[in-house]
Protein backbone atom coordinates (compact mmCIF):
# COMPACT_ATOMS: atom_id res chain seq x y z
CA MET A 1 -28.44 6.58 9.10
CA SER A 2 -27.16 8.89 6.38
CA ASN A 3 -29.71 11.38 5.06
CA TYR A 4 -27.79 11.75 1.81
CA ILE A 5 -29.38 10.30 -1.36
CA PRO A 6 -26.74 9.13 -3.90
CA HIS A 7 -27.39 10.36 -7.42
CA GLN A 8 -25.68 10.68 -10.80
CA PRO A 9 -25.69 14.12 -12.47
CA HIS A 10 -24.33 14.74 -15.99
CA PRO A 11 -25.07 11.30 -17.53
CA TRP A 12 -23.99 12.49 -20.98
CA VAL A 13 -20.39 12.90 -19.76
CA ARG A 14 -20.36 9.30 -18.58
CA ARG A 15 -21.61 8.16 -22.02
CA LEU A 16 -18.64 9.89 -23.67
CA TYR A 17 -16.34 8.29 -21.10
CA ALA A 18 -17.82 4.83 -21.86
CA LEU A 19 -17.34 5.41 -25.59
CA CYS A 20 -13.64 6.15 -25.02
CA LEU A 21 -13.28 2.95 -22.99
CA TYR A 22 -14.85 0.88 -25.78
CA VAL A 23 -12.36 2.38 -28.24
CA LEU A 24 -9.47 1.44 -25.95
CA LEU A 25 -10.78 -2.05 -25.11
CA PRO A 26 -8.96 -3.89 -27.97
CA ILE A 27 -5.65 -2.56 -26.60
CA VAL A 28 -6.19 -4.16 -23.18
CA PRO A 29 -4.79 -7.63 -24.10
CA LEU A 30 -1.70 -5.98 -25.57
CA TYR A 31 -1.26 -3.99 -22.37
CA LEU A 32 -1.53 -7.12 -20.23
CA LEU A 33 0.97 -8.94 -22.44
CA TRP A 34 3.35 -6.00 -22.19
CA ARG A 35 3.07 -5.92 -18.39
CA GLY A 36 3.52 -9.68 -18.41
CA ARG A 37 7.04 -9.37 -19.82
CA LYS A 38 8.39 -8.43 -16.39
CA GLN A 39 5.57 -9.76 -14.23
CA PRO A 40 4.19 -13.02 -15.70
CA GLU A 41 1.22 -12.92 -13.29
CA TYR A 42 -0.35 -10.29 -15.57
CA ARG A 43 -0.89 -13.08 -18.11
CA GLN A 44 -3.11 -15.00 -15.72
CA HIS A 45 -6.83 -14.77 -14.88
CA TRP A 46 -7.71 -12.60 -17.87
CA ALA A 47 -11.29 -13.91 -17.87
CA GLU A 48 -11.90 -12.40 -14.44
CA ARG A 49 -10.99 -8.93 -15.70
CA PHE A 50 -13.83 -9.33 -18.22
CA SER A 51 -16.25 -10.76 -15.60
CA CYS A 52 -16.18 -14.27 -17.04
CA TYR A 53 -16.42 -17.02 -14.42
CA ARG A 54 -16.64 -20.79 -14.79
CA GLN A 55 -19.34 -21.31 -12.18
CA PRO A 56 -21.98 -19.35 -10.27
CA ARG A 57 -20.50 -17.39 -7.39
CA ILE A 58 -23.39 -15.88 -5.40
CA ALA A 59 -22.73 -16.57 -1.72
CA PRO A 60 -25.61 -17.65 0.54
CA GLN A 61 -24.80 -15.11 3.26
CA LYS A 62 -27.28 -12.27 3.80
CA ARG A 63 -24.63 -9.55 3.57
CA ARG A 64 -22.15 -9.60 0.71
CA ILE A 65 -19.48 -6.88 0.65
CA TRP A 66 -17.59 -6.01 -2.52
CA LEU A 67 -14.28 -4.75 -1.12
CA HIS A 68 -11.96 -3.33 -3.78
CA ALA A 69 -8.27 -2.88 -2.87
CA VAL A 70 -6.35 -2.08 -6.01
CA SER A 71 -2.83 -3.16 -5.07
CA LEU A 72 -0.46 -4.23 -2.28
CA GLY A 73 -0.68 -1.21 0.03
CA GLU A 74 -4.45 -0.93 -0.09
CA THR A 75 -4.87 -4.68 0.44
CA ARG A 76 -2.67 -4.71 3.52
CA ALA A 77 -4.50 -1.69 4.90
CA THR A 78 -7.82 -3.57 4.75
CA ALA A 79 -6.62 -6.31 7.12
CA PRO A 80 -7.67 -4.78 10.48
CA LEU A 81 -11.08 -3.83 9.07
CA VAL A 82 -11.67 -7.29 7.57
CA HIS A 83 -10.67 -9.10 10.78
CA ALA A 84 -12.91 -6.85 12.90
CA PHE A 85 -15.80 -7.21 10.46
CA PHE A 86 -15.75 -11.01 10.46
CA ALA A 87 -15.40 -11.06 14.25
CA GLN A 88 -18.79 -9.34 14.54
CA ASN A 89 -20.57 -10.61 11.39
CA THR A 90 -21.02 -14.37 11.16
CA ASP A 91 -23.51 -14.24 8.28
CA ALA A 92 -21.45 -12.19 5.83
CA HIS A 93 -19.24 -12.71 2.77
CA ILE A 94 -16.55 -10.47 1.26
CA ILE A 95 -15.75 -10.38 -2.45
CA LEU A 96 -12.18 -9.03 -2.47
CA THR A 97 -11.01 -7.58 -5.78
CA HIS A 98 -7.73 -6.14 -7.01
CA THR A 99 -6.22 -4.64 -10.14
CA THR A 100 -2.60 -5.79 -9.72
CA PRO A 101 -1.04 -9.22 -9.17
CA THR A 102 0.84 -7.94 -6.11
CA GLY A 103 -2.45 -6.96 -4.52
CA ARG A 104 -3.89 -10.37 -5.30
CA ALA A 105 -0.87 -12.20 -3.86
CA SER A 106 -1.02 -10.09 -0.71
CA GLY A 107 -4.71 -10.86 -0.29
CA GLN A 108 -4.11 -14.58 -0.68
CA GLU A 109 -1.54 -14.47 2.09
CA LEU A 110 -3.37 -12.15 4.48
CA PHE A 111 -6.79 -13.75 4.19
CA ALA A 112 -5.98 -17.40 3.56
CA PRO A 113 -8.26 -18.69 6.38
CA TYR A 114 -11.26 -16.73 5.07
CA LEU A 115 -10.62 -17.85 1.48
CA GLN A 116 -10.35 -21.46 2.60
CA ASP A 117 -13.50 -21.54 4.74
CA GLY A 118 -15.63 -19.77 2.13
CA ARG A 119 -16.18 -16.47 3.92
CA MET A 120 -14.24 -14.64 1.23
CA THR A 121 -13.91 -14.81 -2.55
CA GLN A 122 -11.00 -13.24 -4.43
CA VAL A 123 -10.98 -12.18 -8.10
CA TYR A 124 -9.70 -9.35 -10.26
CA ALA A 125 -11.96 -6.32 -10.56
CA PRO A 126 -13.69 -5.97 -13.92
CA TYR A 127 -12.92 -3.06 -16.21
CA ASP A 128 -15.26 -0.09 -15.82
CA LEU A 129 -17.65 -0.99 -18.65
CA ASN A 130 -21.35 -1.53 -18.03
CA PRO A 131 -21.66 -4.99 -19.66
CA LEU A 132 -18.76 -6.25 -17.51
CA LEU A 133 -20.10 -4.60 -14.37
CA ASN A 134 -23.58 -6.02 -15.03
CA ARG A 135 -22.08 -9.51 -15.20
CA PHE A 136 -20.09 -8.94 -12.01
CA PHE A 137 -23.14 -7.75 -10.07
CA LYS A 138 -25.19 -10.67 -11.38
CA THR A 139 -22.45 -13.16 -10.45
CA PHE A 140 -21.73 -11.91 -6.92
CA ALA A 141 -24.85 -9.89 -6.01
CA PRO A 142 -23.06 -7.59 -3.52
CA THR A 143 -25.27 -5.83 -0.99
CA ASP A 144 -22.59 -3.20 -0.20
CA VAL A 145 -19.59 -1.80 -2.07
CA TRP A 146 -16.49 -0.64 -0.19
CA ILE A 147 -13.72 1.01 -2.19
CA MET A 148 -10.29 1.60 -0.69
CA GLU A 149 -8.60 5.00 -0.79
CA THR A 150 -8.60 6.37 -4.37
CA GLU A 151 -10.05 3.87 -6.83
CA VAL A 152 -13.19 5.71 -7.95
CA TRP A 153 -14.73 4.64 -11.28
CA PRO A 154 -17.66 6.52 -12.93
CA ASN A 155 -19.59 3.55 -14.38
CA LEU A 156 -19.19 1.51 -11.20
CA MET A 157 -20.65 4.33 -9.14
CA ALA A 158 -23.53 4.75 -11.59
CA GLN A 159 -24.30 1.04 -11.29
CA CYS A 160 -24.40 1.30 -7.50
CA VAL A 161 -26.88 4.18 -7.71
CA GLN A 162 -29.08 2.41 -10.27
CA ARG A 163 -29.12 -0.80 -8.21
CA ASN A 164 -29.66 1.07 -4.92
CA ILE A 165 -26.51 -0.50 -3.44
CA PRO A 166 -24.80 1.66 -0.80
CA ALA A 167 -21.22 2.45 -1.78
CA SER A 168 -18.56 3.76 0.59
CA LEU A 169 -15.11 5.16 -0.01
CA ILE A 170 -13.04 3.98 2.94
CA ASN A 171 -9.65 5.23 4.09
CA GLY A 172 -10.12 7.93 1.48
CA ARG A 173 -7.22 10.17 0.59
CA MET A 174 -6.78 12.91 -1.99
CA SER A 175 -3.45 14.54 -2.67
CA GLU A 176 -3.09 18.04 -4.09
CA LYS A 177 -2.03 16.44 -7.38
CA THR A 178 -5.12 14.22 -7.51
CA LEU A 179 -7.33 17.17 -6.61
CA LYS A 180 -6.05 19.16 -9.59
CA GLN A 181 -6.55 16.19 -11.92
CA THR A 182 -10.05 15.57 -10.59
CA LEU A 183 -11.05 19.21 -11.01
CA GLN A 184 -9.99 19.00 -14.66
CA TRP A 185 -12.65 16.29 -15.10
CA GLN A 186 -15.14 17.82 -12.67
CA LYS A 187 -18.38 16.76 -14.39
CA LEU A 188 -17.25 13.15 -14.85
CA MET A 189 -15.55 12.62 -11.49
CA GLY A 190 -17.91 14.87 -9.55
CA SER A 191 -20.75 12.64 -10.75
CA ALA A 192 -18.82 9.58 -9.60
CA TYR A 193 -18.30 10.94 -6.08
CA ALA A 194 -21.99 11.92 -5.92
CA GLY A 195 -22.75 8.19 -6.02
CA PHE A 196 -21.17 7.44 -2.64
CA THR A 197 -23.33 7.08 0.44
CA HIS A 198 -20.26 7.56 2.65
CA VAL A 199 -16.89 9.17 1.95
CA CYS A 200 -14.63 8.30 4.89
CA ALA A 201 -11.53 10.49 4.75
CA GLN A 202 -8.20 9.88 6.44
CA THR A 203 -7.66 13.49 7.52
CA GLU A 204 -9.42 16.84 7.62
CA THR A 205 -7.16 17.98 4.77
CA ASP A 206 -8.45 15.11 2.61
CA ALA A 207 -12.02 15.99 3.65
CA GLN A 208 -11.58 19.60 2.56
CA ARG A 209 -10.30 18.49 -0.84
CA TYR A 210 -13.31 16.21 -1.24
CA ARG A 211 -15.53 19.23 -0.54
CA GLU A 212 -13.76 21.10 -3.34
CA ILE A 213 -14.85 18.45 -5.86
CA GLY A 214 -18.45 18.52 -4.68
CA VAL A 215 -18.66 15.95 -1.87
CA VAL A 216 -21.19 17.26 0.67
CA ASP A 217 -20.98 17.07 4.44
CA ALA A 218 -23.87 14.58 4.59
CA GLN A 219 -21.57 12.09 2.84
CA LEU A 220 -18.34 13.04 4.55
CA THR A 221 -16.69 11.78 7.75
CA VAL A 222 -13.07 11.91 8.94
CA THR A 223 -12.37 8.41 10.27
CA GLY A 224 -8.55 8.34 10.37
CA ASN A 225 -6.12 6.07 8.61
CA LEU A 226 -6.53 2.29 8.73
CA LYS A 227 -2.78 1.91 8.48
CA PHE A 228 -2.50 3.07 12.11
CA ASP A 229 -4.66 0.08 13.09
CA MET A 230 -2.28 -2.45 11.56
CA GLN A 231 -1.67 -5.73 13.34
CA ILE A 232 2.08 -6.23 13.73
CA PRO A 233 2.89 -9.90 13.00
CA PRO A 234 4.97 -11.04 16.01
CA GLU A 235 6.47 -13.99 14.14
CA GLN A 236 7.94 -11.65 11.51
CA VAL A 237 9.35 -9.30 14.14
CA ALA A 238 10.89 -12.26 15.98
CA ALA A 239 12.46 -13.52 12.73
CA GLY A 240 13.95 -10.09 12.06
CA GLU A 241 15.29 -9.74 15.58
CA ARG A 242 16.94 -13.16 15.29
CA ILE A 243 18.80 -12.03 12.17
CA LYS A 244 19.67 -8.69 13.76
CA ASN A 245 21.27 -10.56 16.67
CA LEU A 246 23.53 -12.36 14.19
CA LEU A 247 24.88 -9.01 12.98
CA THR A 248 27.50 -8.26 15.63
CA ASP A 249 28.57 -4.59 15.83
CA THR A 250 26.70 -3.83 12.62
CA ARG A 251 24.43 -0.92 11.83
CA VAL A 252 21.80 -1.70 9.18
CA ILE A 253 20.64 1.12 6.92
CA MET A 254 17.80 -0.03 4.69
CA LEU A 255 16.14 1.36 1.57
CA ALA A 256 12.66 -0.15 1.89
CA SER A 257 10.02 -0.56 -0.83
CA SER A 258 12.26 1.05 -3.44
CA ARG A 259 10.84 2.03 -6.81
CA GLU A 260 12.46 2.07 -10.23
CA GLY A 261 15.28 4.63 -10.44
CA GLU A 262 15.69 4.96 -6.69
CA GLU A 263 18.12 2.06 -6.40
CA GLN A 264 20.73 3.82 -8.52
CA LEU A 265 20.24 7.04 -6.54
CA TRP A 266 20.79 5.01 -3.38
CA LEU A 267 23.98 3.41 -4.72
CA ASP A 268 25.29 6.82 -5.78
CA ALA A 269 24.49 8.20 -2.32
CA ILE A 270 26.34 5.30 -0.64
CA ALA A 271 29.40 5.95 -2.82
CA GLU A 272 29.29 9.64 -1.89
CA PHE A 273 28.81 8.81 1.80
CA GLU A 274 31.76 6.41 1.88
CA ARG A 275 33.93 8.94 0.06
CA THR A 276 33.14 11.96 2.21
CA ASP A 277 32.13 10.72 5.68
CA PRO A 278 35.21 11.18 7.87
CA GLN A 279 33.88 9.17 10.79
CA MET A 280 33.07 6.01 8.91
CA ALA A 281 36.62 4.70 8.63
CA GLN A 282 37.20 5.30 12.34
CA SER A 283 33.93 3.71 13.45
CA GLN A 284 34.12 0.31 15.12
CA GLN A 285 30.54 -0.42 14.05
CA ARG A 286 30.37 -1.32 10.39
CA ILE A 287 27.45 -0.40 8.14
CA GLN A 288 25.59 -3.05 6.19
CA TRP A 289 23.30 -1.82 3.43
CA TRP A 290 19.96 -3.55 2.89
CA ILE A 291 17.52 -2.92 0.06
CA VAL A 292 13.99 -4.26 -0.43
CA PRO A 293 12.48 -3.45 -3.87
CA ARG A 294 8.76 -2.76 -3.94
CA HIS A 295 7.95 -5.10 -6.83
CA PRO A 296 9.16 -8.73 -7.02
CA GLN A 297 9.58 -8.65 -10.81
CA ARG A 298 12.49 -6.24 -10.27
CA PHE A 299 14.49 -8.39 -7.84
CA ASP A 300 16.89 -9.70 -10.49
CA GLU A 301 17.29 -6.27 -12.08
CA VAL A 302 18.24 -4.73 -8.72
CA MET A 303 20.59 -7.64 -7.97
CA THR A 304 22.48 -6.83 -11.17
CA LEU A 305 22.83 -3.20 -10.07
CA LEU A 306 24.20 -4.27 -6.69
CA LYS A 307 26.72 -6.69 -8.19
CA ASN A 308 27.99 -3.97 -10.52
CA THR A 309 29.23 -2.03 -7.48
CA GLY A 310 31.83 -4.72 -6.80
CA LYS A 311 30.55 -5.16 -3.26
CA ASN A 312 29.80 -8.50 -1.66
CA VAL A 313 26.04 -9.05 -2.05
CA VAL A 314 23.80 -11.77 -0.60
CA ARG A 315 20.11 -12.42 -1.26
CA LYS A 316 17.69 -12.81 1.63
CA SER A 317 16.11 -15.82 -0.13
CA GLU A 318 19.48 -17.57 0.05
CA LEU A 319 19.82 -16.80 3.76
CA ASN A 320 16.40 -18.37 4.36
CA THR A 321 17.69 -21.75 3.17
CA GLN A 322 20.88 -21.77 5.25
CA PRO A 323 21.49 -23.04 8.79
CA THR A 324 22.43 -20.47 11.40
CA ALA A 325 26.19 -21.00 11.14
CA GLN A 326 26.15 -20.33 7.39
CA GLN A 327 23.90 -17.32 7.88
CA ILE A 328 26.38 -15.82 10.34
CA SER A 329 29.23 -16.36 7.88
CA ALA A 330 27.30 -14.98 4.90
CA LEU A 331 26.15 -11.90 6.81
CA ALA A 332 29.64 -11.26 8.17
CA GLN A 333 31.01 -11.12 4.62
CA ALA A 334 28.14 -9.22 3.01
CA ASP A 335 28.37 -5.51 2.31
CA MET A 336 24.83 -5.46 0.93
CA VAL A 337 21.74 -7.63 1.31
CA LEU A 338 18.95 -7.78 -1.24
CA GLY A 339 15.53 -8.35 0.31
CA ASP A 340 14.04 -10.56 -2.41
CA THR A 341 11.22 -12.22 -0.47
CA MET A 342 7.55 -11.30 -0.25
CA GLY A 343 5.37 -11.00 2.83
CA GLU A 344 8.24 -10.26 5.22
CA MET A 345 8.28 -6.47 5.49
CA PHE A 346 8.06 -6.46 9.27
CA THR A 347 10.97 -8.91 9.34
CA TYR A 348 13.01 -6.42 7.34
CA TYR A 349 11.95 -3.48 9.49
CA ALA A 350 12.93 -5.39 12.65
CA ILE A 351 16.43 -5.82 11.19
CA ALA A 352 16.91 -2.16 10.27
CA ASP A 353 18.41 0.55 12.46
CA ILE A 354 17.49 3.28 9.98
CA VAL A 355 14.88 3.04 7.22
CA LEU A 356 15.05 5.14 4.07
CA MET A 357 11.49 4.96 2.74
CA GLY A 358 11.14 4.08 -0.91
CA GLY A 359 8.83 5.89 -3.28
CA THR A 360 9.76 9.23 -1.70
CA TRP A 361 13.07 9.93 -3.46
CA LEU A 362 11.51 10.20 -6.92
CA PRO A 363 7.97 11.52 -7.60
CA TYR A 364 6.09 8.32 -6.72
CA GLY A 365 4.23 9.74 -3.72
CA GLY A 366 5.80 7.48 -1.09
CA GLN A 367 5.28 4.05 0.42
CA ASN A 368 3.94 3.22 3.88
CA PHE A 369 6.35 4.69 6.44
CA ILE A 370 3.84 4.01 9.24
CA GLU A 371 4.84 0.32 9.35
CA PRO A 372 8.51 0.82 10.35
CA MET A 373 7.49 3.65 12.68
CA SER A 374 5.16 1.23 14.49
CA LEU A 375 8.33 -0.66 15.54
CA GLY A 376 9.90 2.56 16.78
CA LYS A 377 12.32 2.79 13.86
CA VAL A 378 13.94 6.01 12.68
CA VAL A 379 12.56 6.65 9.20
CA TRP A 380 13.82 9.12 6.60
CA VAL A 381 11.65 10.21 3.67
CA GLY A 382 12.33 12.29 0.61
CA ALA A 383 10.32 15.17 -0.83
CA SER A 384 7.63 13.03 -2.51
CA ILE A 385 5.14 11.97 0.17
CA TYR A 386 1.85 13.05 -1.40
CA ASN A 387 0.30 9.59 -0.86
CA PHE A 388 0.72 10.23 2.89
CA GLU A 389 0.89 14.00 2.78
CA GLN A 390 -0.96 15.15 5.90
CA ILE A 391 0.27 12.24 8.03
CA GLY A 392 3.83 12.82 6.87
CA VAL A 393 3.80 16.55 7.57
CA ASP A 394 2.31 15.95 11.01
CA ALA A 395 4.89 13.27 11.88
CA ILE A 396 7.76 15.49 10.72
CA ASP A 397 6.42 18.41 12.76
CA ASN A 398 6.20 16.13 15.81
CA GLY A 399 9.82 15.04 15.44
CA VAL A 400 9.06 11.34 14.83
CA LEU A 401 9.79 11.29 11.07
CA TRP A 402 12.75 12.85 9.27
CA GLN A 403 12.84 14.37 5.79
CA ALA A 404 15.67 15.13 3.38
CA GLN A 405 15.68 16.40 -0.18
CA SER A 406 17.96 13.63 -1.42
CA LEU A 407 19.43 10.31 -0.34
CA VAL A 408 22.86 11.94 -0.21
CA GLU A 409 21.51 14.46 2.30
CA ALA A 410 19.72 11.76 4.29
CA LEU A 411 22.84 9.60 4.66
CA ALA A 412 24.90 12.63 5.62
CA GLN A 413 22.48 13.30 8.48
CA THR A 414 22.01 9.76 9.75
CA GLU A 415 24.59 10.37 12.45
CA GLN A 416 22.15 12.86 14.02
CA THR A 417 19.43 10.24 14.37
CA GLU A 418 21.93 7.58 15.39
CA GLN A 419 22.13 9.32 18.75
CA HIS A 420 18.52 8.44 19.51
CA ASN A 421 17.87 6.33 22.57
CA ASN A 422 15.08 4.20 23.96
CA SER A 423 13.01 7.27 24.70
CA MET A 424 13.04 8.13 20.98
CA HIS A 425 11.86 4.60 20.11
CA THR A 426 9.09 5.00 22.66
CA ARG A 427 8.09 8.42 21.36
CA ILE A 428 7.73 7.12 17.81
CA ARG A 429 5.64 4.13 18.90
CA THR A 430 3.50 6.37 21.12
CA TYR A 431 2.80 8.68 18.19
CA ILE A 432 1.52 5.71 16.17
CA ASN A 433 -0.52 4.24 19.02
CA GLU A 434 -2.26 7.55 19.74
CA ARG A 435 -3.71 7.52 16.22
CA TYR A 436 -5.23 4.07 16.55
CA GLY A 437 -9.00 3.74 16.15
CA ALA A 438 -9.92 4.06 12.46
CA VAL A 439 -11.50 0.60 12.38
CA LYS A 440 -13.96 1.46 15.15
CA LYS A 441 -14.98 4.71 13.47
CA LEU A 442 -15.34 3.04 10.07
CA ARG A 443 -17.45 0.22 11.40
CA GLU A 444 -19.77 2.65 13.13
CA LYS A 445 -20.22 4.54 9.87
CA LEU A 446 -20.54 1.49 7.59
CA GLU A 447 -23.12 -0.17 9.82
CA THR A 448 -25.48 2.83 9.51
C-alpha cells in the first residue's frame, strides 16, 4: 500500500489554465473540421469529446478502470496489461479512451472480444475542462484511473484527488525535451503530477526526470516498458512469411511507420544508393523497397510520391485481393510496395530483411522499433529517438540496434548488417526477451 497522499498545490495556476481552455473552446470544432480534411474520422463522435452520451453508461462491475491511451502506439502497448488484468479480474470493467481516431481504431481491433461481451467500453476522452470531466465521472463512475505514458492533464488530476480516486501513470516516459517543457510550467504540471498515487516509469532515467519535476519516491517505481511484453500475433507473422517466400532472391528493405517528410528523404536516399553503390548492379539478389506510412490518411499522398519516381509500384491492399499466382507476378515486377493496410505491422516486419524505423529521420521522436526487433530483424534508426531514448541508447550500445544520422548513411551501411547470421537474429530476440516482465511489476503495483 502506498503511503503517499495525492494532493493539489497551487490551485490558482490551474484556474488560469482553465480560463485559457475556455477561451480556446470555440476553436475546437474548427480544429476537428480541419483535421477531418485528411482524416474524416475526426468528424465523428464529437459528442463524446464533450462528455455527451445517449444513454447511461455506469457498468455494474465493482472495479471500473478508466484507461487512457491517447493514440495508436499507446493503445497497442496496453494490450498485454489488459489481457493479464481480465485474466485475473472477472468482476471488472475498463473504460478505454483515446484522443485520436487511429488509437480508437486500434482499440476496436485489439479488444473486440471485450467490447462485444461488455467487459470494456470505448469512447473518446473528454477535453480537460471540469464540467466535461464531471459529466464523464458521473457517466462512468471509474474507481481507478490509469494513464498511459505521457498524457497528464491538470484538471483531470485535480478531479481524481477531489474524488479520492487513485490515479496511476503507467509505462511512464519523459524525454529530455518534455522535461524542459514541463519545468517551464512547473507550478501547473508539478501540481498535476502530485495527484498521482503511482508513477510507474519505464527506466531509471525516466524516474530521475520525474524526480526533477517534483515526483517523490513514495509515488515512483521503475516497472519497465510494456512494449517488451507484447504478444506477437502468429497469424500475422505467418502471413508475412508466406509473402516473403514468394519473393525469390529478393532482399526487402522497409521504411516502417514513416512520418510526413520522411518519405521524400527515403526516395532521395534510394536514388543516391542506386547511383553510388558499386555492388548493387553486380548483385544477384535484387532489392525491393517497401514503405508503410504511419497514418492511413496519407496512403494516397505517399502513393503519388512513389509513382513520381517512375518505378513500378504495387499496393499491399491490391495484393490482398489477388490469388497466389497473381501475387507472385505482381511482386516480381514491383520495384516498390506501399503498405496501405492497417493492423498488419507484424506481417510487414516478417517480410522485411532490414527495417528503417520511421519517425527517427526527422524530429518526431521515433516509432516503436521494439516490434521488429522482437522478430530478430535488423533495425536502423535515425538521430531522433527521444520517445524511446534510454531503450534506444541501451540497444545500440548492446549491438542489437543500429543508428545513422541520415537515410543515405543508413543505406550505405546496410551491407554491414547484411552479413548477420542466425546468431545475430537470436541475439536480438534474446535482448528483447530478457526485458520481459513489465506487466507483472505493474500489476503488483496497481493492485496495492
